[in-house]
C-alpha atoms as a PDB file:
ATOM      1  CA  UNK A   1     125.039  95.859  15.010  1.00  0.00           C
ATOM      2  CA  UNK A   2     128.853  96.536  16.031  1.00  0.00           C
ATOM      3  CA  UNK A   3     128.265 100.599  14.534  1.00  0.00           C
ATOM      4  CA  UNK A   4     125.306 100.660  16.522  1.00  0.00           C
ATOM      5  CA  UNK A   5     126.840  99.450  19.619  1.00  0.00           C
ATOM      6  CA  UNK A   6     129.318 101.681  19.305  1.00  0.00           C
ATOM      7  CA  UNK A   7     126.531 104.671  19.234  1.00  0.00           C
ATOM      8  CA  UNK A   8     125.085 106.465  21.970  1.00  0.00           C
ATOM      9  CA  UNK A   9     121.292 105.924  22.465  1.00  0.00           C
ATOM     10  CA  UNK A  10     120.504 109.546  21.356  1.00  0.00           C
ATOM     11  CA  UNK A  11     122.570 109.347  18.438  1.00  0.00           C
ATOM     12  CA  UNK A  12     121.153 105.914  17.848  1.00  0.00           C
ATOM     13  CA  UNK A  13     117.550 106.962  18.141  1.00  0.00           C
ATOM     14  CA  UNK A  14     118.718 110.111  16.025  1.00  0.00           C
ATOM     15  CA  UNK A  15     119.866 107.906  12.775  1.00  0.00           C
ATOM     16  CA  UNK A  16     116.706 105.820  13.110  1.00  0.00           C
ATOM     17  CA  UNK A  17     114.440 108.404  13.046  1.00  0.00           C
ATOM     18  CA  UNK A  18     116.259 110.405  10.309  1.00  0.00           C
ATOM     19  CA  UNK A  19     116.333 106.636   8.120  1.00  0.00           C
ATOM     20  CA  UNK A  20     112.322 106.509   8.853  1.00  0.00           C
ATOM     21  CA  UNK A  21     111.873 109.919   7.779  1.00  0.00           C
ATOM     22  CA  UNK A  22     113.806 109.338   4.517  1.00  0.00           C
ATOM     23  CA  UNK A  23     111.797 106.634   3.875  1.00  0.00           C
ATOM     24  CA  UNK A  24     108.407 108.106   4.385  1.00  0.00           C
ATOM     25  CA  UNK A  25     109.680 110.520   2.311  1.00  0.00           C
ATOM     26  CA  UNK A  26     110.895 108.669  -0.560  1.00  0.00           C
ATOM     27  CA  UNK A  27     107.908 106.271  -1.037  1.00  0.00           C
ATOM     28  CA  UNK A  28     105.498 109.305  -1.295  1.00  0.00           C
ATOM     29  CA  UNK A  29     107.638 110.817  -3.821  1.00  0.00           C
ATOM     30  CA  UNK A  30     107.966 107.114  -5.800  1.00  0.00           C
ATOM     31  CA  UNK A  31     104.215 107.320  -5.629  1.00  0.00           C
ATOM     32  CA  UNK A  32     103.781 110.671  -7.718  1.00  0.00           C
ATOM     33  CA  UNK A  33     105.732 109.431  -9.854  1.00  0.00           C
ATOM     34  CA  UNK A  34     104.514 106.565 -10.618  1.00  0.00           C
ATOM     35  CA  UNK A  35     100.967 107.668 -11.069  1.00  0.00           C
ATOM     36  CA  UNK A  36     101.478 111.094 -12.462  1.00  0.00           C
ATOM     37  CA  UNK A  37      97.806 110.739 -14.119  1.00  0.00           C
ATOM     38  CA  UNK A  38      96.259 110.592 -11.154  1.00  0.00           C
ATOM     39  CA  UNK A  39      97.969 112.790  -9.294  1.00  0.00           C
ATOM     40  CA  UNK A  40      97.209 115.083 -11.877  1.00  0.00           C
ATOM     41  CA  UNK A  41      93.787 116.061 -11.365  1.00  0.00           C
ATOM     42  CA  UNK A  42      91.829 113.491 -13.008  1.00  0.00           C
ATOM     43  CA  UNK A  43      88.856 110.959 -11.688  1.00  0.00           C
ATOM     44  CA  UNK A  44      89.792 110.747  -8.247  1.00  0.00           C
ATOM     45  CA  UNK A  45      93.643 111.708  -8.556  1.00  0.00           C
ATOM     46  CA  UNK A  46      95.014 114.428  -6.189  1.00  0.00           C
ATOM     47  CA  UNK A  47      95.638 117.229  -7.338  1.00  0.00           C
ATOM     48  CA  UNK A  48     100.065 117.538  -8.168  1.00  0.00           C
ATOM     49  CA  UNK A  49     100.365 120.837  -6.062  1.00  0.00           C
ATOM     50  CA  UNK A  50      98.620 119.103  -3.184  1.00  0.00           C
ATOM     51  CA  UNK A  51     100.771 116.020  -3.078  1.00  0.00           C
ATOM     52  CA  UNK A  52     103.826 118.009  -3.261  1.00  0.00           C
ATOM     53  CA  UNK A  53     102.755 119.877  -0.558  1.00  0.00           C
ATOM     54  CA  UNK A  54     101.883 117.297   1.389  1.00  0.00           C
ATOM     55  CA  UNK A  55     105.191 115.825   0.915  1.00  0.00           C
ATOM     56  CA  UNK A  56     106.880 118.976   2.116  1.00  0.00           C
ATOM     57  CA  UNK A  57     104.171 118.798   5.247  1.00  0.00           C
ATOM     58  CA  UNK A  58     105.656 115.519   6.025  1.00  0.00           C
ATOM     59  CA  UNK A  59     109.420 116.527   5.795  1.00  0.00           C
ATOM     60  CA  UNK A  60     108.449 119.141   8.489  1.00  0.00           C
ATOM     61  CA  UNK A  61     106.397 116.960  10.662  1.00  0.00           C
ATOM     62  CA  UNK A  62     109.824 114.725  10.646  1.00  0.00           C
ATOM     63  CA  UNK A  63     112.101 117.279  11.080  1.00  0.00           C
ATOM     64  CA  UNK A  64     110.059 118.927  14.495  1.00  0.00           C
ATOM     65  CA  UNK A  65     109.781 115.272  15.952  1.00  0.00           C
ATOM     66  CA  UNK A  66     113.187 114.645  15.208  1.00  0.00           C
ATOM     67  CA  UNK A  67     113.991 117.880  16.994  1.00  0.00           C
ATOM     68  CA  UNK A  68     111.970 117.530  20.219  1.00  0.00           C
ATOM     69  CA  UNK A  69     113.179 114.016  20.659  1.00  0.00           C
ATOM     70  CA  UNK A  70     116.591 115.294  20.264  1.00  0.00           C
ATOM     71  CA  UNK A  71     115.992 117.452  23.009  1.00  0.00           C
ATOM     72  CA  UNK A  72     114.257 115.709  25.392  1.00  0.00           C
ATOM     73  CA  UNK A  73     116.930 113.110  25.177  1.00  0.00           C
ATOM     74  CA  UNK A  74     119.452 115.366  25.558  1.00  0.00           C
ATOM     75  CA  UNK A  75     117.676 116.780  28.643  1.00  0.00           C
ATOM     76  CA  UNK A  76     117.779 113.661  30.069  1.00  0.00           C
ATOM     77  CA  UNK A  77     121.555 113.074  29.710  1.00  0.00           C
ATOM     78  CA  UNK A  78     122.246 115.973  31.504  1.00  0.00           C
ATOM     79  CA  UNK A  79     119.775 115.505  34.558  1.00  0.00           C
ATOM     80  CA  UNK A  80     122.300 113.371  36.162  1.00  0.00           C
ATOM     81  CA  UNK A  81     119.603 113.324  39.252  1.00  0.00           C
ATOM     82  CA  UNK A  82     118.160 110.719  37.601  1.00  0.00           C
ATOM     83  CA  UNK A  83     121.263 108.341  37.405  1.00  0.00           C
ATOM     84  CA  UNK A  84     121.752 105.712  40.375  1.00  0.00           C
ATOM     85  CA  UNK A  85     123.894 106.376  42.967  1.00  0.00           C
ATOM     86  CA  UNK A  86     127.146 105.425  43.470  1.00  0.00           C
ATOM     87  CA  UNK A  87     126.974 101.929  45.731  1.00  0.00           C
ATOM     88  CA  UNK A  88     128.318 102.054  49.109  1.00  0.00           C
ATOM     89  CA  UNK A  89     131.798 101.056  48.983  1.00  0.00           C
ATOM     90  CA  UNK A  90     134.237  99.157  51.633  1.00  0.00           C
ATOM     91  CA  UNK A  91     137.322  99.712  51.271  1.00  0.00           C
ATOM     92  CA  UNK A  92     140.257 101.816  53.517  1.00  0.00           C
ATOM     93  CA  UNK A  93     139.707 102.064  56.775  1.00  0.00           C
ATOM     94  CA  UNK A  94     138.671 105.824  56.816  1.00  0.00           C
ATOM     95  CA  UNK A  95     137.989 105.505  60.381  1.00  0.00           C
ATOM     96  CA  UNK A  96     140.762 104.003  61.766  1.00  0.00           C
ATOM     97  CA  UNK A  97     142.363 108.081  62.536  1.00  0.00           C
ATOM     98  CA  UNK A  98     145.913 109.282  63.143  1.00  0.00           C
ATOM     99  CA  UNK A  99     147.255 109.952  66.533  1.00  0.00           C
ATOM    100  CA  UNK A 100     146.638 113.441  67.204  1.00  0.00           C
ATOM    101  CA  UNK A 101     142.600 112.621  66.907  1.00  0.00           C
ATOM    102  CA  UNK A 102     142.913 112.462  70.540  1.00  0.00           C
ATOM    103  CA  UNK A 103     143.649 115.837  71.147  1.00  0.00           C
ATOM    104  CA  UNK A 104     140.216 116.600  69.780  1.00  0.00           C
ATOM    105  CA  UNK A 105     138.374 113.824  70.836  1.00  0.00           C
ATOM    106  CA  UNK A 106     137.066 116.644  73.477  1.00  0.00           C
ATOM    107  CA  UNK A 107     136.322 119.445  70.651  1.00  0.00           C
ATOM    108  CA  UNK A 108     132.547 120.330  69.932  1.00  0.00           C
ATOM    109  CA  UNK A 109     131.521 119.668  66.541  1.00  0.00           C
ATOM    110  CA  UNK A 110     130.643 123.378  66.350  1.00  0.00           C
ATOM    111  CA  UNK A 111     133.442 124.657  66.878  1.00  0.00           C
ATOM    112  CA  UNK A 112     135.939 122.428  64.305  1.00  0.00           C
ATOM    113  CA  UNK A 113     136.795 123.303  60.856  1.00  0.00           C
ATOM    114  CA  UNK A 114     136.035 121.160  57.627  1.00  0.00           C
ATOM    115  CA  UNK A 115     136.542 120.589  54.374  1.00  0.00           C
ATOM    116  CA  UNK A 116     133.621 117.900  52.412  1.00  0.00           C
ATOM    117  CA  UNK A 117     135.022 116.850  49.214  1.00  0.00           C
ATOM    118  CA  UNK A 118     134.398 114.725  46.377  1.00  0.00           C
ATOM    119  CA  UNK A 119     135.742 112.959  43.218  1.00  0.00           C
ATOM    120  CA  UNK A 120     134.802 111.583  39.936  1.00  0.00           C
ATOM    121  CA  UNK A 121     136.919 108.779  38.622  1.00  0.00           C
ATOM    122  CA  UNK A 122     137.282 106.853  35.601  1.00  0.00           C
ATOM    123  CA  UNK A 123     135.428 104.052  37.429  1.00  0.00           C
ATOM    124  CA  UNK A 124     134.397 102.095  40.556  1.00  0.00           C
ATOM    125  CA  UNK A 125     137.735  99.999  40.983  1.00  0.00           C
ATOM    126  CA  UNK A 126     140.396 101.665  42.499  1.00  0.00           C
ATOM    127  CA  UNK A 127     142.700  98.435  43.212  1.00  0.00           C
ATOM    128  CA  UNK A 128     142.010  97.829  39.405  1.00  0.00           C
ATOM    129  CA  UNK A 129     143.396 100.635  37.712  1.00  0.00           C
ATOM    130  CA  UNK A 130     140.838 103.359  38.056  1.00  0.00           C
ATOM    131  CA  UNK A 131     142.285 106.951  38.755  1.00  0.00           C
ATOM    132  CA  UNK A 132     140.647 110.351  40.310  1.00  0.00           C
ATOM    133  CA  UNK A 133     139.288 112.752  37.646  1.00  0.00           C
ATOM    134  CA  UNK A 134     138.192 115.644  39.515  1.00  0.00           C
ATOM    135  CA  UNK A 135     138.478 116.704  42.958  1.00  0.00           C
ATOM    136  CA  UNK A 136     136.663 119.357  44.064  1.00  0.00           C
ATOM    137  CA  UNK A 137     136.208 120.534  47.885  1.00  0.00           C
ATOM    138  CA  UNK A 138     134.480 123.385  50.001  1.00  0.00           C
ATOM    139  CA  UNK A 139     135.213 124.884  53.396  1.00  0.00           C
ATOM    140  CA  UNK A 140     132.549 124.895  56.405  1.00  0.00           C
ATOM    141  CA  UNK A 141     132.501 126.241  59.855  1.00  0.00           C
ATOM    142  CA  UNK A 142     129.543 126.704  62.407  1.00  0.00           C
ATOM    143  CA  UNK A 143     127.239 125.786  60.032  1.00  0.00           C
ATOM    144  CA  UNK A 144     128.349 128.213  56.991  1.00  0.00           C
ATOM    145  CA  UNK A 145     129.550 126.325  54.004  1.00  0.00           C
ATOM    146  CA  UNK A 146     132.030 128.595  52.196  1.00  0.00           C
ATOM    147  CA  UNK A 147     130.678 128.119  48.385  1.00  0.00           C
ATOM    148  CA  UNK A 148     133.027 130.985  46.794  1.00  0.00           C
ATOM    149  CA  UNK A 149     136.303 129.463  48.175  1.00  0.00           C
ATOM    150  CA  UNK A 150     135.911 126.280  46.868  1.00  0.00           C
ATOM    151  CA  UNK A 151     138.823 124.481  45.859  1.00  0.00           C
ATOM    152  CA  UNK A 152     138.364 122.496  42.311  1.00  0.00           C
ATOM    153  CA  UNK A 153     140.097 120.679  39.416  1.00  0.00           C
ATOM    154  CA  UNK A 154     140.561 118.638  36.992  1.00  0.00           C
ATOM    155  CA  UNK A 155     143.100 115.950  37.033  1.00  0.00           C
ATOM    156  CA  UNK A 156     144.148 113.902  33.604  1.00  0.00           C
ATOM    157  CA  UNK A 157     144.438 110.080  34.435  1.00  0.00           C
ATOM    158  CA  UNK A 158     146.778 108.805  31.797  1.00  0.00           C
ATOM    159  CA  UNK A 159     144.052 106.450  30.557  1.00  0.00           C
ATOM    160  CA  UNK A 160     140.871 106.752  28.503  1.00  0.00           C
ATOM    161  CA  UNK A 161     137.487 107.350  30.206  1.00  0.00           C
ATOM    162  CA  UNK A 162     135.168 104.996  29.593  1.00  0.00           C
ATOM    163  CA  UNK A 163     131.727 105.795  28.266  1.00  0.00           C
ATOM    164  CA  UNK A 164     129.608 104.367  30.780  1.00  0.00           C
ATOM    165  CA  UNK A 165     131.646 106.705  33.682  1.00  0.00           C
ATOM    166  CA  UNK A 166     131.049 109.539  31.408  1.00  0.00           C
ATOM    167  CA  UNK A 167     127.387 109.069  31.437  1.00  0.00           C
ATOM    168  CA  UNK A 168     127.410 109.897  34.989  1.00  0.00           C
ATOM    169  CA  UNK A 169     129.981 112.782  35.478  1.00  0.00           C
ATOM    170  CA  UNK A 170     129.858 114.146  32.455  1.00  0.00           C
ATOM    171  CA  UNK A 171     134.297 114.215  31.378  1.00  0.00           C
ATOM    172  CA  UNK A 172     135.672 113.485  28.593  1.00  0.00           C
ATOM    173  CA  UNK A 173     139.129 113.082  27.812  1.00  0.00           C
ATOM    174  CA  UNK A 174     139.412 115.839  25.662  1.00  0.00           C
ATOM    175  CA  UNK A 175     138.269 117.984  28.835  1.00  0.00           C
ATOM    176  CA  UNK A 176     140.982 116.421  30.930  1.00  0.00           C
ATOM    177  CA  UNK A 177     143.996 115.845  27.627  1.00  0.00           C
ATOM    178  CA  UNK A 178     145.292 119.534  28.961  1.00  0.00           C
ATOM    179  CA  UNK A 179     144.770 119.233  32.810  1.00  0.00           C
ATOM    180  CA  UNK A 180     147.914 118.582  35.335  1.00  0.00           C
ATOM    181  CA  UNK A 181     148.406 114.787  36.431  1.00  0.00           C
ATOM    182  CA  UNK A 182     146.966 113.864  40.251  1.00  0.00           C
ATOM    183  CA  UNK A 183     150.871 113.986  41.195  1.00  0.00           C
ATOM    184  CA  UNK A 184     150.540 118.376  40.974  1.00  0.00           C
ATOM    185  CA  UNK A 185     146.412 117.929  41.783  1.00  0.00           C
ATOM    186  CA  UNK A 186     146.801 116.331  45.024  1.00  0.00           C
ATOM    187  CA  UNK A 187     149.523 118.534  46.897  1.00  0.00           C
ATOM    188  CA  UNK A 188     147.730 121.552  46.033  1.00  0.00           C
ATOM    189  CA  UNK A 189     144.334 120.041  47.304  1.00  0.00           C
ATOM    190  CA  UNK A 190     146.567 118.336  50.467  1.00  0.00           C
ATOM    191  CA  UNK A 191     147.035 122.280  51.200  1.00  0.00           C
ATOM    192  CA  UNK A 192     143.718 123.560  50.749  1.00  0.00           C
ATOM    193  CA  UNK A 193     142.590 120.634  53.019  1.00  0.00           C
ATOM    194  CA  UNK A 194     145.481 121.563  56.038  1.00  0.00           C
ATOM    195  CA  UNK A 195     144.615 120.010  59.577  1.00  0.00           C
ATOM    196  CA  UNK A 196     140.337 120.684  59.034  1.00  0.00           C
ATOM    197  CA  UNK A 197     138.469 117.474  59.539  1.00  0.00           C
ATOM    198  CA  UNK A 198     137.570 115.782  56.050  1.00  0.00           C
ATOM    199  CA  UNK A 199     134.072 114.999  55.331  1.00  0.00           C
ATOM    200  CA  UNK A 200     132.605 112.831  52.449  1.00  0.00           C
ATOM    201  CA  UNK A 201     129.451 110.487  51.538  1.00  0.00           C
ATOM    202  CA  UNK A 202     130.881 107.241  51.143  1.00  0.00           C
ATOM    203  CA  UNK A 203     134.250 107.892  52.442  1.00  0.00           C
ATOM    204  CA  UNK A 204     135.654 104.758  52.202  1.00  0.00           C
ATOM    205  CA  UNK A 205     135.864 105.439  48.503  1.00  0.00           C
ATOM    206  CA  UNK A 206     137.305 108.323  48.232  1.00  0.00           C
ATOM    207  CA  UNK A 207     139.577 107.754  50.720  1.00  0.00           C
ATOM    208  CA  UNK A 208     141.493 104.704  48.695  1.00  0.00           C
ATOM    209  CA  UNK A 209     141.423 107.164  45.805  1.00  0.00           C
ATOM    210  CA  UNK A 210     143.918 109.026  47.453  1.00  0.00           C
ATOM    211  CA  UNK A 211     145.452 106.940  49.762  1.00  0.00           C
ATOM    212  CA  UNK A 212     146.502 104.326  46.835  1.00  0.00           C
ATOM    213  CA  UNK A 213     148.438 107.591  45.912  1.00  0.00           C
ATOM    214  CA  UNK A 214     150.564 108.201  48.493  1.00  0.00           C
ATOM    215  CA  UNK A 215     153.656 105.929  47.428  1.00  0.00           C
ATOM    216  CA  UNK A 216     153.817 107.762  43.939  1.00  0.00           C
ATOM    217  CA  UNK A 217     152.849 111.745  45.207  1.00  0.00           C
ATOM    218  CA  UNK A 218     154.472 111.849  49.112  1.00  0.00           C
ATOM    219  CA  UNK A 219     150.992 113.383  49.848  1.00  0.00           C
ATOM    220  CA  UNK A 220     149.723 111.348  52.862  1.00  0.00           C
ATOM    221  CA  UNK A 221     146.495 112.741  54.371  1.00  0.00           C
ATOM    222  CA  UNK A 222     146.637 111.889  58.033  1.00  0.00           C
ATOM    223  CA  UNK A 223     143.024 113.880  58.561  1.00  0.00           C
ATOM    224  CA  UNK A 224     140.411 113.131  60.934  1.00  0.00           C
ATOM    225  CA  UNK A 225     137.733 111.913  58.187  1.00  0.00           C
ATOM    226  CA  UNK A 226     133.473 111.558  58.564  1.00  0.00           C
ATOM    227  CA  UNK A 227     131.002 110.128  56.456  1.00  0.00           C
ATOM    228  CA  UNK A 228     127.903 111.786  56.305  1.00  0.00           C
ATOM    229  CA  UNK A 229     126.533 107.951  55.488  1.00  0.00           C
ATOM    230  CA  UNK A 230     127.397 106.904  58.521  1.00  0.00           C
ATOM    231  CA  UNK A 231     126.009 110.005  60.012  1.00  0.00           C
ATOM    232  CA  UNK A 232     122.813 109.832  58.390  1.00  0.00           C
ATOM    233  CA  UNK A 233     122.569 106.003  59.363  1.00  0.00           C
ATOM    234  CA  UNK A 234     123.169 107.122  63.256  1.00  0.00           C
ATOM    235  CA  UNK A 235     120.410 109.947  63.082  1.00  0.00           C
ATOM    236  CA  UNK A 236     117.950 107.958  61.329  1.00  0.00           C
ATOM    237  CA  UNK A 237     117.964 104.326  61.640  1.00  0.00           C
ATOM    238  CA  UNK A 238     114.812 103.732  60.412  1.00  0.00           C
ATOM    239  CA  UNK A 239     115.277 104.773  57.065  1.00  0.00           C
ATOM    240  CA  UNK A 240     116.535 102.415  54.480  1.00  0.00           C
ATOM    241  CA  UNK A 241     118.135 104.582  51.884  1.00  0.00           C
ATOM    242  CA  UNK A 242     121.095 106.479  52.642  1.00  0.00           C
ATOM    243  CA  UNK A 243     121.778 107.843  49.371  1.00  0.00           C
ATOM    244  CA  UNK A 244     123.473 111.702  48.908  1.00  0.00           C
ATOM    245  CA  UNK A 245     119.941 112.379  47.042  1.00  0.00           C
ATOM    246  CA  UNK A 246     118.126 110.413  49.820  1.00  0.00           C
ATOM    247  CA  UNK A 247     119.260 112.282  52.367  1.00  0.00           C
ATOM    248  CA  UNK A 248     118.859 115.910  50.647  1.00  0.00           C
ATOM    249  CA  UNK A 249     115.740 115.170  49.953  1.00  0.00           C
ATOM    250  CA  UNK A 250     114.760 114.217  53.917  1.00  0.00           C
ATOM    251  CA  UNK A 251     116.812 117.431  55.439  1.00  0.00           C
ATOM    252  CA  UNK A 252     115.164 119.823  52.693  1.00  0.00           C
ATOM    253  CA  UNK A 253     118.952 120.031  50.766  1.00  0.00           C
ATOM    254  CA  UNK A 254     118.613 121.364  47.085  1.00  0.00           C
ATOM    255  CA  UNK A 255     121.459 119.790  45.061  1.00  0.00           C
ATOM    256  CA  UNK A 256     123.195 121.280  42.216  1.00  0.00           C
ATOM    257  CA  UNK A 257     125.418 120.293  39.910  1.00  0.00           C
ATOM    258  CA  UNK A 258     124.490 116.267  40.951  1.00  0.00           C
ATOM    259  CA  UNK A 259     127.499 113.963  39.869  1.00  0.00           C
ATOM    260  CA  UNK A 260     129.987 116.405  39.723  1.00  0.00           C
ATOM    261  CA  UNK A 261     132.912 116.588  42.106  1.00  0.00           C
ATOM    262  CA  UNK A 262     132.156 120.299  42.595  1.00  0.00           C
ATOM    263  CA  UNK A 263     128.303 119.804  43.334  1.00  0.00           C
ATOM    264  CA  UNK A 264     128.318 116.717  45.235  1.00  0.00           C
ATOM    265  CA  UNK A 265     130.797 118.332  47.684  1.00  0.00           C
ATOM    266  CA  UNK A 266     128.744 121.359  48.193  1.00  0.00           C
ATOM    267  CA  UNK A 267     125.404 119.540  48.409  1.00  0.00           C
ATOM    268  CA  UNK A 268     127.405 116.715  51.051  1.00  0.00           C
ATOM    269  CA  UNK A 269     128.688 120.063  52.675  1.00  0.00           C
ATOM    270  CA  UNK A 270     125.011 121.165  53.513  1.00  0.00           C
ATOM    271  CA  UNK A 271     123.638 118.206  54.232  1.00  0.00           C
ATOM    272  CA  UNK A 272     126.206 117.929  56.846  1.00  0.00           C
ATOM    273  CA  UNK A 273     125.477 121.361  58.624  1.00  0.00           C
ATOM    274  CA  UNK A 274     121.921 120.084  58.292  1.00  0.00           C
ATOM    275  CA  UNK A 275     123.044 117.031  60.604  1.00  0.00           C
ATOM    276  CA  UNK A 276     125.066 118.444  63.142  1.00  0.00           C
ATOM    277  CA  UNK A 277     122.114 119.899  65.126  1.00  0.00           C
ATOM    278  CA  UNK A 278     120.508 116.337  64.860  1.00  0.00           C
ATOM    279  CA  UNK A 279     123.371 114.893  66.216  1.00  0.00           C
ATOM    280  CA  UNK A 280     123.439 117.171  68.960  1.00  0.00           C
ATOM    281  CA  UNK A 281     120.029 117.004  69.664  1.00  0.00           C
ATOM    282  CA  UNK A 282     121.155 112.869  70.507  1.00  0.00           C
ATOM    283  CA  UNK A 283     123.277 113.413  72.523  1.00  0.00           C
ATOM    284  CA  UNK A 284     126.827 113.347  70.266  1.00  0.00           C
ATOM    285  CA  UNK A 285     128.503 116.991  70.565  1.00  0.00           C
ATOM    286  CA  UNK A 286     132.117 116.233  70.361  1.00  0.00           C
ATOM    287  CA  UNK A 287     134.301 115.254  68.181  1.00  0.00           C
ATOM    288  CA  UNK A 288     135.120 111.993  69.862  1.00  0.00           C
ATOM    289  CA  UNK A 289     131.285 111.397  70.227  1.00  0.00           C
ATOM    290  CA  UNK A 290     130.929 111.211  66.891  1.00  0.00           C
ATOM    291  CA  UNK A 291     133.302 109.065  65.896  1.00  0.00           C
ATOM    292  CA  UNK A 292     132.790 106.779  68.175  1.00  0.00           C
ATOM    293  CA  UNK A 293     128.781 106.630  66.955  1.00  0.00           C
ATOM    294  CA  UNK A 294     130.139 106.708  63.456  1.00  0.00           C
ATOM    295  CA  UNK A 295     132.109 103.409  64.672  1.00  0.00           C
ATOM    296  CA  UNK A 296     129.058 101.711  65.636  1.00  0.00           C
ATOM    297  CA  UNK A 297     127.205 102.318  62.742  1.00  0.00           C
ATOM    298  CA  UNK A 298     130.117 100.817  60.693  1.00  0.00           C
ATOM    299  CA  UNK A 299     130.543  97.817  62.988  1.00  0.00           C
ATOM    300  CA  UNK A 300     126.378  97.136  62.362  1.00  0.00           C
ATOM    301  CA  UNK A 301     127.017  97.926  58.307  1.00  0.00           C
ATOM    302  CA  UNK A 302     129.918  95.899  58.417  1.00  0.00           C
ATOM    303  CA  UNK A 303     127.782  92.829  59.617  1.00  0.00           C
ATOM    304  CA  UNK A 304     124.562  93.951  57.991  1.00  0.00           C
ATOM    305  CA  UNK A 305     126.682  93.227  54.510  1.00  0.00           C
ATOM    306  CA  UNK A 306     128.466  90.361  55.668  1.00  0.00           C
ATOM    307  CA  UNK A 307     125.094  88.074  56.234  1.00  0.00           C
END
């Protein structure tokens, strides 16, 4: 039992299928050995050639069915679109912006520069020791996403990556073994972001990981931050589902590489660009207005979560 508990579903099914197939083949072989006279062709017996041919066919059927089942399981393993979205997170106050945000309040959303980013982590508890293992970002301005100039780095977390997390992002211990630690990666991301407005989906989650590393890395992100989850609630208040997948489907945005930092960054950037004209249609055209709208939504979401 402990052996099976340590295996993936795909491996366990493969082992069980192999055991069942082997048992069937052995059973047919034993029958042929136990009653050779019947299989030799006397009376109602079956010719020995037919018996061995049946054995060969059974072996082929078992092999083919096993291969098909394995491919189906493997495809499902890599189709991360079927995995649940990250739960809504309430950590640091991502909308408590630095003093220089006042200087940008009157700037229109269309003229600002944005860096849309995402992180993948060892788990969902940044305050309990979970670490960043991947961070990616894309720049966008005037409704255009610069996918060619994307930032994407793996990070060595200095701790094992749980199997439950690998199921989502596909990043293993072997993949990050030779990568730089977060103290080397965050300065590079900070330089990439510059003073642009940061955008993320469920931004509190990613910002909490970044800000918990400020003392260790000496890197502080003082950027203004927008959250596409809150913006989606503002423009579609009657919708119940504001996961990245649900918003992308509503806006007709194609999602590729789901549950990877780069794939989710690009998807979030495309979603954000689609949300901008809808915000303007609601009378929200400046950074100050979108920050006020986001703050109102956040307060309402806070009441919803509390009660």
